[in-house]
N, C-alpha and C. Protein backbone atom coordinates (compact mmCIF):
# COMPACT_ATOMS: atom_id res chain seq x y z
N MET A 1 0.82 -1.19 0.00
CA MET A 1 0.00 0.00 0.00
C MET A 1 0.86 1.26 0.00
N ARG A 2 1.94 1.25 0.84
CA ARG A 2 2.82 2.41 0.87
C ARG A 2 3.57 2.55 -0.44
N LEU A 3 3.90 1.44 -1.05
CA LEU A 3 4.62 1.46 -2.32
C LEU A 3 3.75 2.09 -3.42
N THR A 4 2.47 1.75 -3.42
CA THR A 4 1.54 2.34 -4.40
C THR A 4 1.42 3.84 -4.17
N GLY A 5 1.28 4.26 -2.94
CA GLY A 5 1.18 5.68 -2.61
C GLY A 5 2.44 6.43 -3.01
N LEU A 6 3.59 5.81 -2.77
CA LEU A 6 4.86 6.42 -3.14
C LEU A 6 4.99 6.55 -4.66
N ALA A 7 4.54 5.53 -5.38
CA ALA A 7 4.58 5.56 -6.85
C ALA A 7 3.66 6.65 -7.40
N ILE A 8 2.49 6.80 -6.82
CA ILE A 8 1.56 7.84 -7.26
C ILE A 8 2.14 9.22 -6.98
N LEU A 9 2.73 9.40 -5.81
CA LEU A 9 3.33 10.68 -5.46
C LEU A 9 4.49 11.01 -6.39
N ALA A 10 5.32 10.02 -6.70
CA ALA A 10 6.44 10.24 -7.61
C ALA A 10 5.94 10.58 -9.01
N GLY A 11 4.90 9.90 -9.46
CA GLY A 11 4.32 10.18 -10.77
C GLY A 11 3.75 11.59 -10.84
N ALA A 12 3.07 12.02 -9.79
CA ALA A 12 2.51 13.37 -9.76
C ALA A 12 3.62 14.41 -9.77
N ALA A 13 4.69 14.17 -9.03
CA ALA A 13 5.82 15.11 -9.01
C ALA A 13 6.47 15.18 -10.38
N LEU A 14 6.62 14.05 -11.04
CA LEU A 14 7.21 14.02 -12.38
C LEU A 14 6.33 14.76 -13.38
N ALA A 15 5.02 14.56 -13.30
CA ALA A 15 4.10 15.24 -14.21
C ALA A 15 4.13 16.76 -13.99
N ALA A 16 4.24 17.16 -12.74
CA ALA A 16 4.26 18.60 -12.43
C ALA A 16 5.55 19.24 -12.93
N THR A 17 6.66 18.55 -12.87
CA THR A 17 7.92 19.14 -13.31
C THR A 17 8.09 19.09 -14.82
N SER A 18 7.40 18.19 -15.50
CA SER A 18 7.55 18.10 -16.95
C SER A 18 6.50 18.89 -17.71
N ALA A 19 5.52 19.45 -17.02
CA ALA A 19 4.48 20.24 -17.69
C ALA A 19 5.09 21.55 -18.19
N PRO A 20 4.65 22.05 -19.35
CA PRO A 20 5.20 23.29 -19.86
C PRO A 20 4.84 24.46 -18.95
N ALA A 21 5.77 25.39 -18.83
CA ALA A 21 5.52 26.57 -18.02
C ALA A 21 4.60 27.50 -18.80
N THR A 22 3.47 27.82 -18.23
CA THR A 22 2.54 28.74 -18.88
C THR A 22 2.26 29.89 -17.93
N ALA A 23 2.01 31.02 -18.50
CA ALA A 23 1.74 32.21 -17.71
C ALA A 23 0.32 32.16 -17.16
N ALA A 24 0.13 32.84 -16.06
CA ALA A 24 -1.20 32.93 -15.46
C ALA A 24 -2.08 33.84 -16.32
N TRP A 25 -3.35 33.50 -16.38
CA TRP A 25 -4.31 34.33 -17.11
C TRP A 25 -4.69 35.50 -16.20
N ARG A 26 -4.77 36.70 -16.81
CA ARG A 26 -5.15 37.90 -16.08
C ARG A 26 -6.27 38.61 -16.83
N GLY A 27 -7.03 39.37 -16.09
CA GLY A 27 -8.08 40.17 -16.69
C GLY A 27 -7.55 41.51 -17.15
N TYR A 28 -8.04 41.97 -18.30
CA TYR A 28 -7.68 43.27 -18.84
C TYR A 28 -8.98 44.01 -19.17
N ILE A 29 -8.96 45.33 -19.01
CA ILE A 29 -10.16 46.12 -19.23
C ILE A 29 -9.80 47.45 -19.88
N SER A 30 -10.69 47.94 -20.71
CA SER A 30 -10.57 49.29 -21.24
C SER A 30 -11.91 49.97 -21.03
N HIS A 31 -11.96 50.84 -20.05
CA HIS A 31 -13.20 51.57 -19.80
C HIS A 31 -13.51 52.50 -20.96
N SER A 32 -12.48 53.12 -21.53
CA SER A 32 -12.73 54.08 -22.61
C SER A 32 -13.19 53.39 -23.90
N LEU A 33 -12.73 52.16 -24.14
CA LEU A 33 -13.14 51.43 -25.34
C LEU A 33 -14.35 50.53 -25.09
N GLY A 34 -14.66 50.24 -23.84
CA GLY A 34 -15.89 49.53 -23.50
C GLY A 34 -15.84 48.02 -23.63
N PHE A 35 -14.71 47.40 -23.26
CA PHE A 35 -14.66 45.94 -23.27
C PHE A 35 -13.59 45.45 -22.31
N ALA A 36 -13.67 44.15 -22.01
CA ALA A 36 -12.69 43.50 -21.14
C ALA A 36 -12.50 42.07 -21.64
N PHE A 37 -11.35 41.48 -21.30
CA PHE A 37 -11.05 40.11 -21.70
C PHE A 37 -9.97 39.56 -20.78
N ALA A 38 -9.65 38.29 -20.94
CA ALA A 38 -8.58 37.65 -20.17
C ALA A 38 -7.53 37.11 -21.13
N ALA A 39 -6.26 37.17 -20.71
CA ALA A 39 -5.16 36.67 -21.54
C ALA A 39 -3.98 36.30 -20.67
N PRO A 40 -3.14 35.37 -21.17
CA PRO A 40 -1.90 35.03 -20.46
C PRO A 40 -0.72 35.77 -21.09
N GLY A 41 0.39 35.77 -20.40
CA GLY A 41 1.61 36.33 -20.98
C GLY A 41 1.75 37.81 -20.72
N GLU A 42 2.83 38.36 -21.26
CA GLU A 42 3.15 39.76 -21.07
C GLU A 42 2.46 40.61 -22.13
N LEU A 43 1.86 41.70 -21.70
CA LEU A 43 1.15 42.63 -22.59
C LEU A 43 2.14 43.47 -23.37
N LYS A 44 1.93 43.53 -24.69
CA LYS A 44 2.66 44.45 -25.56
C LYS A 44 1.61 45.26 -26.32
N VAL A 45 1.77 46.55 -26.33
CA VAL A 45 0.83 47.43 -27.01
C VAL A 45 1.51 47.93 -28.29
N GLU A 46 0.82 47.78 -29.40
CA GLU A 46 1.36 48.18 -30.69
C GLU A 46 0.32 48.98 -31.45
N LYS A 47 0.80 49.78 -32.38
CA LYS A 47 -0.09 50.44 -33.32
C LYS A 47 0.06 49.72 -34.64
N GLY A 48 -1.00 49.65 -35.39
CA GLY A 48 -0.96 49.01 -36.69
C GLY A 48 -1.83 49.76 -37.67
N THR A 49 -1.98 49.17 -38.83
CA THR A 49 -2.82 49.76 -39.87
C THR A 49 -3.71 48.68 -40.45
N TYR A 50 -4.97 49.00 -40.59
CA TYR A 50 -5.95 48.13 -41.24
C TYR A 50 -6.32 48.79 -42.56
N ARG A 51 -6.46 47.98 -43.59
CA ARG A 51 -6.88 48.50 -44.90
C ARG A 51 -8.06 47.68 -45.41
N GLY A 52 -9.05 48.40 -45.91
CA GLY A 52 -10.20 47.74 -46.51
C GLY A 52 -10.73 48.60 -47.65
N ALA A 53 -11.39 47.97 -48.60
CA ALA A 53 -11.91 48.71 -49.76
C ALA A 53 -12.95 49.74 -49.32
N VAL A 54 -13.81 49.38 -48.39
CA VAL A 54 -14.84 50.30 -47.91
C VAL A 54 -14.29 51.17 -46.79
N ALA A 55 -13.55 50.59 -45.87
CA ALA A 55 -13.06 51.32 -44.70
C ALA A 55 -11.92 52.27 -45.03
N GLY A 56 -11.12 51.91 -46.04
CA GLY A 56 -9.92 52.69 -46.32
C GLY A 56 -8.83 52.31 -45.33
N ALA A 57 -7.80 53.13 -45.22
CA ALA A 57 -6.71 52.89 -44.28
C ALA A 57 -7.10 53.42 -42.90
N ARG A 58 -6.91 52.60 -41.90
CA ARG A 58 -7.30 52.95 -40.53
C ARG A 58 -6.19 52.57 -39.57
N ASP A 59 -5.96 53.42 -38.58
CA ASP A 59 -5.03 53.08 -37.51
C ASP A 59 -5.69 52.07 -36.58
N THR A 60 -4.88 51.18 -36.03
CA THR A 60 -5.40 50.18 -35.09
C THR A 60 -4.57 50.22 -33.81
N PHE A 61 -5.21 49.79 -32.71
CA PHE A 61 -4.53 49.49 -31.46
C PHE A 61 -4.47 47.99 -31.39
N VAL A 62 -3.31 47.44 -31.08
CA VAL A 62 -3.16 46.00 -30.96
C VAL A 62 -2.59 45.69 -29.58
N TYR A 63 -3.34 44.88 -28.82
CA TYR A 63 -2.88 44.40 -27.53
C TYR A 63 -2.45 42.95 -27.76
N ARG A 64 -1.16 42.68 -27.61
CA ARG A 64 -0.60 41.40 -28.01
C ARG A 64 0.03 40.68 -26.82
N PHE A 65 -0.19 39.38 -26.78
CA PHE A 65 0.35 38.50 -25.75
C PHE A 65 0.86 37.24 -26.44
N VAL A 66 1.92 36.64 -25.93
CA VAL A 66 2.40 35.36 -26.44
C VAL A 66 2.67 34.46 -25.25
N ASP A 67 2.15 33.24 -25.31
CA ASP A 67 2.38 32.26 -24.25
C ASP A 67 2.34 30.87 -24.87
N ASP A 68 3.35 30.07 -24.61
CA ASP A 68 3.41 28.68 -25.06
C ASP A 68 3.22 28.57 -26.58
N ASN A 69 3.84 29.47 -27.32
CA ASN A 69 3.75 29.50 -28.79
C ASN A 69 2.31 29.65 -29.28
N ILE A 70 1.53 30.39 -28.53
CA ILE A 70 0.20 30.81 -28.96
C ILE A 70 0.19 32.33 -28.86
N GLU A 71 -0.19 32.98 -29.96
CA GLU A 71 -0.25 34.44 -29.99
C GLU A 71 -1.70 34.87 -29.80
N TYR A 72 -1.90 35.78 -28.85
CA TYR A 72 -3.23 36.32 -28.55
C TYR A 72 -3.21 37.80 -28.89
N LYS A 73 -4.21 38.26 -29.65
CA LYS A 73 -4.29 39.67 -30.01
C LYS A 73 -5.71 40.18 -29.84
N ALA A 74 -5.80 41.36 -29.26
CA ALA A 74 -7.05 42.12 -29.26
C ALA A 74 -6.78 43.33 -30.13
N VAL A 75 -7.54 43.46 -31.21
CA VAL A 75 -7.32 44.53 -32.18
C VAL A 75 -8.54 45.44 -32.18
N VAL A 76 -8.29 46.75 -32.11
CA VAL A 76 -9.36 47.74 -32.10
C VAL A 76 -9.15 48.67 -33.29
N ILE A 77 -10.19 48.78 -34.14
CA ILE A 77 -10.14 49.64 -35.33
C ILE A 77 -11.23 50.70 -35.19
N ASP A 78 -10.84 51.95 -35.16
CA ASP A 78 -11.81 53.04 -35.01
C ASP A 78 -12.54 53.27 -36.33
N MET A 79 -13.85 53.13 -36.31
CA MET A 79 -14.69 53.35 -37.49
C MET A 79 -15.82 54.33 -37.17
N SER A 80 -15.62 55.16 -36.14
CA SER A 80 -16.70 56.01 -35.66
C SER A 80 -17.26 56.95 -36.73
N ASP A 81 -16.43 57.38 -37.69
CA ASP A 81 -16.93 58.27 -38.73
C ASP A 81 -17.76 57.54 -39.78
N LYS A 82 -17.75 56.21 -39.75
CA LYS A 82 -18.53 55.42 -40.71
C LYS A 82 -19.47 54.45 -39.99
N ALA A 83 -19.87 54.79 -38.78
CA ALA A 83 -20.66 53.87 -37.96
C ALA A 83 -21.97 53.46 -38.62
N ASN A 84 -22.51 54.27 -39.51
CA ASN A 84 -23.75 53.90 -40.19
C ASN A 84 -23.56 52.72 -41.14
N ASP A 85 -22.32 52.42 -41.49
CA ASP A 85 -22.01 51.29 -42.36
C ASP A 85 -21.48 50.10 -41.55
N ALA A 86 -21.92 49.98 -40.32
CA ALA A 86 -21.37 48.97 -39.40
C ALA A 86 -21.38 47.57 -39.99
N ALA A 87 -22.51 47.13 -40.53
CA ALA A 87 -22.62 45.76 -41.06
C ALA A 87 -21.65 45.53 -42.21
N THR A 88 -21.54 46.50 -43.10
CA THR A 88 -20.64 46.38 -44.25
C THR A 88 -19.18 46.35 -43.78
N LEU A 89 -18.83 47.23 -42.85
CA LEU A 89 -17.45 47.30 -42.35
C LEU A 89 -17.06 46.04 -41.60
N LEU A 90 -17.98 45.51 -40.80
CA LEU A 90 -17.70 44.28 -40.06
C LEU A 90 -17.55 43.12 -41.03
N GLY A 91 -18.42 43.04 -42.03
CA GLY A 91 -18.32 41.98 -43.03
C GLY A 91 -17.02 42.07 -43.82
N GLU A 92 -16.58 43.28 -44.12
CA GLU A 92 -15.32 43.46 -44.83
C GLU A 92 -14.14 42.98 -43.99
N ALA A 93 -14.14 43.29 -42.70
CA ALA A 93 -13.05 42.86 -41.82
C ALA A 93 -13.02 41.34 -41.71
N GLU A 94 -14.18 40.72 -41.61
CA GLU A 94 -14.25 39.25 -41.54
C GLU A 94 -13.77 38.63 -42.85
N TYR A 95 -14.17 39.21 -43.96
CA TYR A 95 -13.74 38.70 -45.26
C TYR A 95 -12.22 38.81 -45.41
N ASN A 96 -11.66 39.97 -45.05
CA ASN A 96 -10.21 40.17 -45.15
C ASN A 96 -9.46 39.17 -44.28
N PHE A 97 -10.01 38.85 -43.13
CA PHE A 97 -9.38 37.90 -42.21
C PHE A 97 -9.29 36.50 -42.83
N GLN A 98 -10.35 36.05 -43.49
CA GLN A 98 -10.39 34.68 -43.99
C GLN A 98 -10.00 34.53 -45.46
N ASP A 99 -9.83 35.64 -46.17
CA ASP A 99 -9.55 35.57 -47.61
C ASP A 99 -8.24 34.81 -47.88
N GLY A 100 -8.33 33.79 -48.74
CA GLY A 100 -7.17 33.00 -49.14
C GLY A 100 -6.75 31.96 -48.13
N LYS A 101 -7.58 31.73 -47.13
CA LYS A 101 -7.25 30.75 -46.09
C LYS A 101 -8.34 29.68 -46.03
N LYS A 102 -8.01 28.54 -45.46
CA LYS A 102 -8.99 27.46 -45.31
C LYS A 102 -9.86 27.75 -44.08
N VAL A 103 -11.16 27.96 -44.32
CA VAL A 103 -12.10 28.24 -43.23
C VAL A 103 -12.59 26.92 -42.64
N LEU A 104 -12.39 26.76 -41.34
CA LEU A 104 -12.81 25.55 -40.64
C LEU A 104 -14.12 25.74 -39.90
N MET A 105 -14.38 26.98 -39.45
CA MET A 105 -15.62 27.27 -38.72
C MET A 105 -15.99 28.72 -38.98
N ASP A 106 -17.27 28.94 -39.20
CA ASP A 106 -17.80 30.29 -39.43
C ASP A 106 -19.19 30.31 -38.82
N THR A 107 -19.35 31.05 -37.75
CA THR A 107 -20.63 31.07 -37.06
C THR A 107 -20.88 32.45 -36.45
N PHE A 108 -22.12 32.70 -36.12
CA PHE A 108 -22.47 33.94 -35.44
C PHE A 108 -22.44 33.71 -33.94
N GLY A 109 -22.14 34.76 -33.21
CA GLY A 109 -22.11 34.66 -31.75
C GLY A 109 -22.80 35.86 -31.14
N ARG A 110 -23.07 35.73 -29.85
CA ARG A 110 -23.72 36.82 -29.13
C ARG A 110 -23.10 36.91 -27.75
N VAL A 111 -22.67 38.11 -27.40
CA VAL A 111 -22.10 38.37 -26.08
C VAL A 111 -22.70 39.67 -25.56
N ASP A 112 -23.26 39.62 -24.38
CA ASP A 112 -23.78 40.83 -23.73
C ASP A 112 -24.66 41.65 -24.66
N ARG A 113 -25.59 41.00 -25.31
CA ARG A 113 -26.56 41.61 -26.22
C ARG A 113 -25.94 42.16 -27.50
N GLN A 114 -24.69 41.81 -27.78
CA GLN A 114 -24.02 42.25 -28.99
C GLN A 114 -23.81 41.05 -29.90
N PHE A 115 -24.17 41.20 -31.16
CA PHE A 115 -23.98 40.12 -32.13
C PHE A 115 -22.63 40.29 -32.80
N GLY A 116 -22.00 39.18 -33.06
CA GLY A 116 -20.70 39.18 -33.72
C GLY A 116 -20.54 37.91 -34.54
N ARG A 117 -19.34 37.69 -34.99
CA ARG A 117 -19.07 36.52 -35.83
C ARG A 117 -17.76 35.89 -35.39
N LYS A 118 -17.74 34.56 -35.37
CA LYS A 118 -16.56 33.80 -34.96
C LYS A 118 -16.11 32.94 -36.13
N LEU A 119 -14.79 32.94 -36.35
CA LEU A 119 -14.21 32.16 -37.44
C LEU A 119 -12.97 31.42 -36.93
N THR A 120 -12.72 30.26 -37.50
CA THR A 120 -11.46 29.54 -37.30
C THR A 120 -10.91 29.21 -38.67
N ILE A 121 -9.62 29.53 -38.86
CA ILE A 121 -8.98 29.32 -40.15
C ILE A 121 -7.64 28.62 -39.98
N ASP A 122 -7.22 27.91 -41.02
CA ASP A 122 -5.86 27.42 -41.10
C ASP A 122 -5.08 28.42 -41.93
N LEU A 123 -3.92 28.82 -41.43
CA LEU A 123 -3.09 29.77 -42.15
C LEU A 123 -2.35 29.07 -43.28
N PRO A 124 -2.06 29.78 -44.36
CA PRO A 124 -1.36 29.17 -45.49
C PRO A 124 0.04 28.69 -45.10
N ASN A 125 0.56 27.75 -45.88
CA ASN A 125 1.92 27.22 -45.72
C ASN A 125 2.16 26.66 -44.32
N ASN A 126 1.14 25.97 -43.77
CA ASN A 126 1.25 25.39 -42.43
C ASN A 126 1.71 26.41 -41.40
N GLY A 127 1.16 27.61 -41.48
CA GLY A 127 1.54 28.70 -40.58
C GLY A 127 0.83 28.70 -39.25
N GLY A 128 -0.06 27.75 -39.03
CA GLY A 128 -0.77 27.68 -37.76
C GLY A 128 -2.28 27.74 -37.98
N ARG A 129 -2.98 27.89 -36.88
CA ARG A 129 -4.45 27.98 -36.90
C ARG A 129 -4.88 29.15 -36.02
N THR A 130 -5.84 29.92 -36.53
CA THR A 130 -6.33 31.09 -35.81
C THR A 130 -7.84 31.00 -35.60
N SER A 131 -8.25 31.28 -34.37
CA SER A 131 -9.67 31.48 -34.05
C SER A 131 -9.84 32.95 -33.73
N ALA A 132 -10.93 33.53 -34.21
CA ALA A 132 -11.16 34.96 -34.00
C ALA A 132 -12.64 35.25 -33.85
N ALA A 133 -12.94 36.33 -33.17
CA ALA A 133 -14.30 36.83 -33.05
C ALA A 133 -14.28 38.31 -33.40
N PHE A 134 -15.29 38.75 -34.13
CA PHE A 134 -15.38 40.13 -34.60
C PHE A 134 -16.66 40.75 -34.06
N TRP A 135 -16.53 41.98 -33.55
CA TRP A 135 -17.67 42.71 -32.99
C TRP A 135 -17.59 44.16 -33.46
N PHE A 136 -18.74 44.79 -33.68
CA PHE A 136 -18.80 46.22 -33.95
C PHE A 136 -19.49 46.85 -32.75
N ILE A 137 -18.73 47.62 -31.99
CA ILE A 137 -19.26 48.18 -30.75
C ILE A 137 -18.75 49.61 -30.57
N ASN A 138 -19.64 50.51 -30.26
CA ASN A 138 -19.27 51.91 -29.99
C ASN A 138 -18.44 52.53 -31.13
N GLY A 139 -18.81 52.25 -32.37
CA GLY A 139 -18.12 52.83 -33.51
C GLY A 139 -16.76 52.22 -33.81
N ARG A 140 -16.50 51.04 -33.23
CA ARG A 140 -15.21 50.38 -33.43
C ARG A 140 -15.41 48.91 -33.77
N ILE A 141 -14.49 48.38 -34.58
CA ILE A 141 -14.42 46.94 -34.75
C ILE A 141 -13.45 46.44 -33.69
N VAL A 142 -13.90 45.50 -32.90
CA VAL A 142 -13.07 44.87 -31.88
C VAL A 142 -12.96 43.40 -32.27
N THR A 143 -11.75 42.91 -32.39
CA THR A 143 -11.55 41.51 -32.71
C THR A 143 -10.55 40.89 -31.74
N LEU A 144 -10.87 39.71 -31.27
CA LEU A 144 -9.94 38.91 -30.49
C LEU A 144 -9.50 37.76 -31.36
N GLN A 145 -8.18 37.55 -31.46
CA GLN A 145 -7.62 36.51 -32.32
C GLN A 145 -6.59 35.71 -31.54
N ALA A 146 -6.68 34.41 -31.61
CA ALA A 146 -5.70 33.52 -30.98
C ALA A 146 -5.14 32.61 -32.06
N THR A 147 -3.81 32.60 -32.21
CA THR A 147 -3.14 31.81 -33.23
C THR A 147 -2.21 30.81 -32.59
N VAL A 148 -2.48 29.53 -32.83
CA VAL A 148 -1.56 28.48 -32.41
C VAL A 148 -0.49 28.39 -33.49
N LEU A 149 0.74 28.67 -33.11
CA LEU A 149 1.87 28.66 -34.04
C LEU A 149 2.38 27.24 -34.23
N PRO A 150 3.04 26.97 -35.36
CA PRO A 150 3.53 25.61 -35.63
C PRO A 150 4.44 25.06 -34.54
N ALA A 151 5.19 25.93 -33.86
CA ALA A 151 6.08 25.46 -32.79
C ALA A 151 5.29 24.82 -31.65
N ASN A 152 4.04 25.24 -31.46
CA ASN A 152 3.18 24.63 -30.45
C ASN A 152 2.58 23.35 -31.02
N GLY A 153 1.95 23.45 -32.17
CA GLY A 153 1.44 22.30 -32.89
C GLY A 153 0.11 21.74 -32.42
N ASP A 154 -0.40 22.18 -31.26
CA ASP A 154 -1.68 21.67 -30.75
C ASP A 154 -2.80 22.54 -31.31
N TYR A 155 -3.19 22.26 -32.55
CA TYR A 155 -4.16 23.11 -33.24
C TYR A 155 -5.58 22.98 -32.69
N ASP A 156 -5.79 22.04 -31.80
CA ASP A 156 -7.10 21.91 -31.15
C ASP A 156 -7.04 22.43 -29.71
N SER A 157 -6.05 23.25 -29.41
CA SER A 157 -5.88 23.78 -28.06
C SER A 157 -7.13 24.52 -27.59
N PRO A 158 -7.60 24.23 -26.38
CA PRO A 158 -8.76 24.96 -25.86
C PRO A 158 -8.44 26.40 -25.50
N GLU A 159 -7.15 26.74 -25.46
CA GLU A 159 -6.76 28.10 -25.08
C GLU A 159 -7.25 29.14 -26.09
N MET A 160 -7.35 28.77 -27.36
CA MET A 160 -7.86 29.71 -28.37
C MET A 160 -9.28 30.13 -28.01
N GLY A 161 -10.13 29.14 -27.75
CA GLY A 161 -11.52 29.44 -27.40
C GLY A 161 -11.63 30.17 -26.08
N ARG A 162 -10.78 29.81 -25.14
CA ARG A 162 -10.80 30.48 -23.83
C ARG A 162 -10.56 31.97 -24.00
N PHE A 163 -9.61 32.33 -24.85
CA PHE A 163 -9.31 33.74 -25.08
C PHE A 163 -10.45 34.44 -25.82
N VAL A 164 -10.84 33.89 -26.95
CA VAL A 164 -11.86 34.52 -27.79
C VAL A 164 -13.18 34.66 -27.04
N ASP A 165 -13.52 33.67 -26.23
CA ASP A 165 -14.79 33.70 -25.50
C ASP A 165 -14.73 34.50 -24.20
N SER A 166 -13.56 35.04 -23.85
CA SER A 166 -13.45 35.77 -22.59
C SER A 166 -13.94 37.21 -22.69
N ILE A 167 -14.25 37.68 -23.87
CA ILE A 167 -14.64 39.08 -24.04
C ILE A 167 -15.96 39.38 -23.36
N THR A 168 -16.04 40.57 -22.80
CA THR A 168 -17.31 41.08 -22.28
C THR A 168 -17.40 42.56 -22.61
N PHE A 169 -18.61 43.01 -22.90
CA PHE A 169 -18.84 44.42 -23.17
C PHE A 169 -19.51 45.09 -21.98
N PHE A 170 -19.82 44.32 -20.95
CA PHE A 170 -20.27 44.85 -19.68
C PHE A 170 -19.04 44.86 -18.78
N THR A 171 -18.36 45.99 -18.71
CA THR A 171 -17.09 46.04 -18.02
C THR A 171 -17.21 45.73 -16.52
N VAL A 172 -18.41 45.78 -15.98
CA VAL A 172 -18.60 45.40 -14.57
C VAL A 172 -18.35 43.91 -14.37
N ARG A 173 -18.33 43.14 -15.46
CA ARG A 173 -18.07 41.71 -15.37
C ARG A 173 -16.57 41.39 -15.33
N ALA A 174 -15.74 42.38 -15.54
CA ALA A 174 -14.30 42.16 -15.48
C ALA A 174 -13.90 41.90 -14.03
N PRO A 175 -12.85 41.13 -13.81
CA PRO A 175 -12.39 40.90 -12.44
C PRO A 175 -12.01 42.22 -11.76
N ASP A 176 -12.16 42.27 -10.45
CA ASP A 176 -11.83 43.49 -9.71
C ASP A 176 -10.37 43.91 -9.88
N ASP A 177 -9.50 42.94 -10.11
CA ASP A 177 -8.08 43.25 -10.26
C ASP A 177 -7.65 43.34 -11.73
N ALA A 178 -8.62 43.55 -12.62
CA ALA A 178 -8.30 43.66 -14.05
C ALA A 178 -7.38 44.85 -14.30
N ILE A 179 -6.45 44.67 -15.21
CA ILE A 179 -5.46 45.69 -15.55
C ILE A 179 -6.05 46.59 -16.64
N GLU A 180 -5.97 47.91 -16.40
CA GLU A 180 -6.48 48.87 -17.39
C GLU A 180 -5.56 48.88 -18.60
N LEU A 181 -6.14 48.70 -19.79
CA LEU A 181 -5.35 48.71 -21.03
C LEU A 181 -4.96 50.14 -21.40
N PRO A 182 -3.69 50.35 -21.69
CA PRO A 182 -3.29 51.69 -22.14
C PRO A 182 -3.76 51.94 -23.57
N VAL A 183 -4.06 53.16 -23.88
CA VAL A 183 -4.39 53.53 -25.26
C VAL A 183 -3.13 54.14 -25.86
N PRO A 184 -2.61 53.55 -26.95
CA PRO A 184 -1.37 54.08 -27.54
C PRO A 184 -1.55 55.53 -27.95
N SER A 185 -0.51 56.30 -27.80
CA SER A 185 -0.58 57.69 -28.23
C SER A 185 -0.59 57.77 -29.74
N LYS A 186 -1.27 58.75 -30.28
CA LYS A 186 -1.42 58.86 -31.73
C LYS A 186 -0.23 59.39 -32.38
């Protein structure tokens, strides 16, 4: 009996030491942009550019995290001057995201009374797999994207869904210790 207990304890210790080191998930919130989500890893804030036939060239805020060879991004595109074209702009962003890629899942979603769209794609040249959700809220396109990179290789990782599904537009639902997202200077 003691030998069995010792073997179980040794097995548990071995499993704990051989598990990959992953960062803790933390809550993030932007009161000014009106959303919150959870992500692991270190936050990097970047500016980018989005281009669309209808939208034109637009500056973006990108909140980027990397953990265990999975890249997590929250991208915000300001479309407030074209808010009356919300459906067209959102459809264009979704189309640009999946254009030229193998679509594995395409469905509509609803979070906090807001309708959006969720897609999963395989990237070209075995570049990985990305799950994303797109929302048009407060004159902005907000998208959460999680990409499992080839170095990770677990393309069915539940972490993609965990990230994409963590979004809330009721900021009171964010954890009390959620970190306020900085807005990059223009």
